[in-house]
Protein backbone atom coordinates (compact mmCIF):
# COMPACT_ATOMS: atom_id res chain seq x y z
CA UNK A 1 74.04 49.75 -141.52
CA UNK A 2 71.94 49.93 -144.69
CA UNK A 3 70.77 53.49 -145.34
CA UNK A 4 69.50 53.29 -148.94
CA UNK A 5 65.71 53.47 -148.99
CA UNK A 6 63.96 50.63 -150.81
CA UNK A 7 60.29 50.02 -151.57
CA UNK A 8 57.84 47.30 -152.55
CA UNK A 9 54.29 47.56 -153.88
CA UNK A 10 51.27 45.58 -152.68
CA UNK A 11 47.53 45.77 -153.36
CA UNK A 12 45.11 46.33 -150.48
CA UNK A 13 41.34 46.74 -150.91
CA UNK A 14 41.95 47.23 -154.62
CA UNK A 15 44.42 50.07 -154.04
CA UNK A 16 48.13 49.97 -154.87
CA UNK A 17 50.21 50.79 -151.80
CA UNK A 18 53.94 51.47 -151.84
CA UNK A 19 55.76 50.42 -148.68
CA UNK A 20 59.18 51.86 -147.84
CA UNK A 21 62.04 50.40 -145.83
CA UNK A 22 61.91 53.29 -143.33
CA UNK A 23 58.41 52.24 -142.25
CA UNK A 24 56.42 54.74 -144.33
CA UNK A 25 53.59 53.91 -146.74
CA UNK A 26 52.00 55.67 -149.71
CA UNK A 27 48.57 54.88 -151.17
CA UNK A 28 47.88 55.36 -154.89
CA UNK A 29 44.58 56.28 -156.50
CA UNK A 30 42.83 59.32 -157.88
CA UNK A 31 45.01 61.37 -155.58
CA UNK A 32 48.51 60.16 -154.68
CA UNK A 33 49.09 60.50 -150.96
CA UNK A 34 52.35 61.69 -149.47
CA UNK A 35 54.62 59.14 -147.84
CA UNK A 36 53.36 58.69 -144.29
CA UNK A 37 54.21 56.87 -141.08
CA UNK A 38 50.47 56.61 -140.47
CA UNK A 39 48.20 57.89 -137.70
CA UNK A 40 48.88 56.97 -134.07
CA UNK A 41 46.00 54.90 -132.68
CA UNK A 42 46.74 55.95 -129.10
CA UNK A 43 48.11 52.49 -128.30
CA UNK A 44 51.37 52.94 -130.17
CA UNK A 45 50.26 51.33 -133.43
CA UNK A 46 49.96 53.35 -136.64
CA UNK A 47 47.20 53.06 -139.22
CA UNK A 48 46.38 54.41 -142.67
CA UNK A 49 42.95 54.69 -144.30
CA UNK A 50 42.59 52.71 -147.54
CA UNK A 51 39.16 52.83 -149.20
CA UNK A 52 37.64 54.13 -145.95
CA UNK A 53 39.10 51.26 -143.92
CA UNK A 54 41.86 51.73 -141.36
CA UNK A 55 44.73 49.31 -141.93
CA UNK A 56 47.68 48.92 -139.58
CA UNK A 57 50.93 50.06 -141.13
CA UNK A 58 52.93 47.18 -139.69
CA UNK A 59 50.65 44.71 -141.50
CA UNK A 60 51.34 46.49 -144.79
CA UNK A 61 55.11 46.65 -144.28
CA UNK A 62 55.30 43.00 -143.24
CA UNK A 63 53.27 41.90 -146.25
CA UNK A 64 55.46 43.92 -148.61
CA UNK A 65 58.88 42.94 -147.26
CA UNK A 66 58.45 39.65 -145.38
CA UNK A 67 55.66 37.97 -147.33
CA UNK A 68 52.21 36.56 -146.64
CA UNK A 69 51.29 36.05 -143.00
CA UNK A 70 51.32 32.37 -141.93
CA UNK A 71 48.09 31.01 -140.49
CA UNK A 72 47.77 31.61 -136.75
CA UNK A 73 50.48 34.28 -136.72
CA UNK A 74 50.55 38.03 -136.20
CA UNK A 75 53.08 40.79 -136.73
CA UNK A 76 55.50 41.26 -133.84
CA UNK A 77 57.63 44.36 -133.24
CA UNK A 78 61.00 42.90 -132.24
CA UNK A 79 62.21 45.85 -130.14
CA UNK A 80 58.80 46.35 -128.51
CA UNK A 81 58.26 49.77 -130.13
CA UNK A 82 54.87 49.53 -131.85
CA UNK A 83 55.49 52.61 -133.98
CA UNK A 84 58.80 51.32 -135.38
CA UNK A 85 57.57 49.69 -138.58
CA UNK A 86 60.87 49.20 -140.36
CA UNK A 87 60.97 45.72 -141.96
CA UNK A 88 64.03 44.78 -139.90
CA UNK A 89 61.96 45.32 -136.73
CA UNK A 90 59.06 43.12 -137.82
CA UNK A 91 58.53 39.39 -137.84
CA UNK A 92 55.66 36.91 -137.85
CA UNK A 93 55.00 35.20 -134.50
CA UNK A 94 52.23 33.25 -132.84
CA UNK A 95 50.08 35.01 -130.27
CA UNK A 96 51.79 33.24 -127.37
CA UNK A 97 55.26 34.09 -128.73
CA UNK A 98 54.24 37.71 -129.13
CA UNK A 99 52.95 37.99 -125.56
CA UNK A 100 56.01 36.28 -124.10
CA UNK A 101 58.20 38.82 -125.81
CA UNK A 102 56.57 41.67 -123.86
CA UNK A 103 56.93 40.35 -120.32
CA UNK A 104 57.99 43.21 -118.07
CA UNK A 105 60.29 43.46 -115.08
CA UNK A 106 58.29 43.27 -111.85
CA UNK A 107 59.30 43.73 -108.25
CA UNK A 108 62.68 44.88 -106.96
CA UNK A 109 64.86 42.75 -109.24
CA UNK A 110 66.21 44.39 -112.39
CA UNK A 111 65.64 41.20 -114.39
CA UNK A 112 62.48 39.59 -115.72
CA UNK A 113 61.38 36.44 -113.91
CA UNK A 114 63.54 37.05 -110.83
CA UNK A 115 62.26 37.98 -107.37
CA UNK A 116 64.21 38.89 -104.24
CA UNK A 117 63.57 36.82 -101.11
CA UNK A 118 62.39 38.79 -98.07
CA UNK A 119 63.91 36.42 -95.53
CA UNK A 120 67.45 36.13 -96.92
CA UNK A 121 69.57 37.68 -99.69
CA UNK A 122 68.54 35.14 -102.34
CA UNK A 123 67.20 35.57 -105.86
CA UNK A 124 64.25 33.30 -106.59
CA UNK A 125 63.17 32.14 -110.05
CA UNK A 126 59.59 31.01 -110.69
CA UNK A 127 58.38 30.71 -114.29
CA UNK A 128 54.73 30.64 -115.36
CA UNK A 129 54.09 27.68 -117.66
CA UNK A 130 51.19 29.27 -119.53
CA UNK A 131 47.60 28.41 -120.29
CA UNK A 132 48.39 24.91 -121.56
CA UNK A 133 49.61 24.02 -118.04
CA UNK A 134 46.80 25.83 -116.17
CA UNK A 135 49.21 28.73 -115.49
CA UNK A 136 51.20 26.69 -112.97
CA UNK A 137 54.56 27.98 -111.74
CA UNK A 138 57.83 26.12 -112.24
CA UNK A 139 60.33 26.69 -109.42
CA UNK A 140 63.87 26.81 -110.79
CA UNK A 141 65.65 27.47 -107.51
CA UNK A 142 67.27 30.25 -105.48
CA UNK A 143 70.56 31.89 -106.38
CA UNK A 144 73.12 34.04 -104.61
CA UNK A 145 73.85 36.01 -107.80
CA UNK A 146 71.05 37.98 -109.46
CA UNK A 147 72.52 37.71 -112.94
CA UNK A 148 72.94 33.94 -112.67
CA UNK A 149 69.31 33.67 -111.62
CA UNK A 150 68.24 35.64 -114.69
CA UNK A 151 70.33 33.40 -116.97
CA UNK A 152 68.76 30.28 -115.43
CA UNK A 153 65.32 31.76 -116.09
CA UNK A 154 66.25 32.62 -119.69
CA UNK A 155 67.62 29.14 -120.37
CA UNK A 156 64.43 27.43 -119.20
CA UNK A 157 62.15 29.89 -120.99
CA UNK A 158 64.05 29.59 -124.26
CA UNK A 159 64.73 25.85 -124.33
CA UNK A 160 61.57 24.54 -122.67
CA UNK A 161 58.89 27.15 -123.38
CA UNK A 162 60.08 28.50 -126.72
CA UNK A 163 60.35 32.15 -125.68
CA UNK A 164 61.46 34.55 -128.44
CA UNK A 165 64.78 36.35 -127.99
CA UNK A 166 63.11 39.64 -127.08
CA UNK A 167 61.43 37.90 -124.13
CA UNK A 168 64.79 37.11 -122.52
CA UNK A 169 67.03 39.12 -120.22
CA UNK A 170 70.14 38.12 -122.18
CA UNK A 171 69.11 37.34 -125.79
CA UNK A 172 72.75 37.53 -126.87
CA UNK A 173 73.40 34.20 -125.12
CA UNK A 174 70.91 32.40 -127.33
CA UNK A 175 71.12 34.17 -130.68
CA UNK A 176 73.40 31.48 -132.14
CA UNK A 177 70.71 28.87 -131.42
CA UNK A 178 68.03 30.70 -133.39
CA UNK A 179 66.83 29.02 -136.58
CA UNK A 180 65.90 32.01 -138.70
CA UNK A 181 65.97 30.11 -142.01
CA UNK A 182 62.18 30.22 -142.47
CA UNK A 183 62.03 33.93 -141.75
CA UNK A 184 64.97 34.74 -144.02
CA UNK A 185 63.65 32.53 -146.81
CA UNK A 186 60.47 34.58 -147.10
CA UNK A 187 62.19 37.97 -147.00
CA UNK A 188 61.79 39.79 -150.30
CA UNK A 189 64.60 42.24 -149.82
CA UNK A 190 68.22 41.08 -149.51
CA UNK A 191 69.27 44.35 -147.87
CA UNK A 192 66.96 43.61 -144.94
CA UNK A 193 68.64 40.21 -144.56
CA UNK A 194 72.02 41.93 -144.32
CA UNK A 195 70.72 44.26 -141.61
CA UNK A 196 69.38 41.33 -139.61
CA UNK A 197 72.72 39.52 -139.85
CA UNK A 198 74.51 42.65 -138.61
CA UNK A 199 72.15 42.75 -135.63
CA UNK A 200 73.07 39.17 -134.78
CA UNK A 201 76.77 40.00 -135.04
CA UNK A 202 76.30 42.86 -132.56
CA UNK A 203 74.47 40.55 -130.16
CA UNK A 204 77.27 37.96 -130.34
CA UNK A 205 79.73 40.67 -129.34
CA UNK A 206 77.59 41.40 -126.31
CA UNK A 207 77.55 37.68 -125.52
CA UNK A 208 81.36 37.58 -125.40
CA UNK A 209 81.37 40.41 -122.86
CA UNK A 210 78.84 38.57 -120.69
CA UNK A 211 80.84 35.36 -120.86
CA UNK A 212 83.90 37.29 -119.71
CA UNK A 213 81.93 38.45 -116.68
CA UNK A 214 80.92 34.86 -115.86
CA UNK A 215 84.52 33.66 -116.13
CA UNK A 216 85.66 36.41 -113.76
CA UNK A 217 82.94 35.47 -111.27
CA UNK A 218 83.84 31.77 -111.42
CA UNK A 219 87.48 32.67 -110.80
CA UNK A 220 86.46 34.67 -107.72
CA UNK A 221 84.32 31.79 -106.46
CA UNK A 222 87.20 29.34 -106.92
CA UNK A 223 89.52 31.63 -104.94
CA UNK A 224 86.96 31.87 -102.14
CA UNK A 225 86.59 28.08 -101.99
CA UNK A 226 90.35 27.64 -101.94
CA UNK A 227 90.62 30.07 -99.00
CA UNK A 228 87.88 28.21 -97.13
CA UNK A 229 89.63 24.90 -97.82
CA UNK A 230 92.93 26.27 -96.47
CA UNK A 231 91.25 27.61 -93.31
CA UNK A 232 89.51 24.27 -92.75
CA UNK A 233 92.83 22.41 -93.06
CA UNK A 234 94.45 24.77 -90.56
CA UNK A 235 91.55 24.28 -88.16
CA UNK A 236 91.74 20.49 -88.39
CA UNK A 237 95.51 20.58 -87.91
CA UNK A 238 95.15 22.64 -84.77
CA UNK A 239 92.35 20.41 -83.47
CA UNK A 240 94.54 17.29 -83.77
CA UNK A 241 97.37 18.74 -81.73
CA UNK A 242 97.52 17.45 -78.13
């Protein structure tokens, strides 16, 4: 983990602003302000007044460390914490990507996008297709295992709908498919790149643990099927006897 504090300067409303890698900002002028995390807006975001205008801190940090904001994009907090304005927690995303990343768990299931059937012990997956498809639902099926249902939902959302990793139940399963070249190319601080790579390494480790779980479950299912096959053979053998 990188602990050395770094900083970059930008100009906002004609004022030089120093942005720090811990998410703090400092405005320069007639009177130099102390380093600050900004003022809480009441919605989790933090702002700082520059020439009598309130500017969101995450916009300043992103501009200083990631680069200019692409057209049609906004700043997204990767871990969902709006007050965590460290550069490693920020990225540029479209509005739809940003909203998809904040989908919450609803109902009795512990996973996003999974519901529990009332009539039988099944886990149902229905995915909303979004505004471009008149908000229709896509039925992906019913599953006997809750985790498998969540993985099926994640796979469809990631591969077909372009969900960001933070919008998935198991982002570690898809981190190796992420093309972060554009994001990394516009980063202005190599230390932030290193921190992002370390985060991906940690997620891959989690993926290996999840794959181990799936292998164990498949082994159990195979054993169950083999037992059922043996019982069926015994039944047929007995039925053929005079």
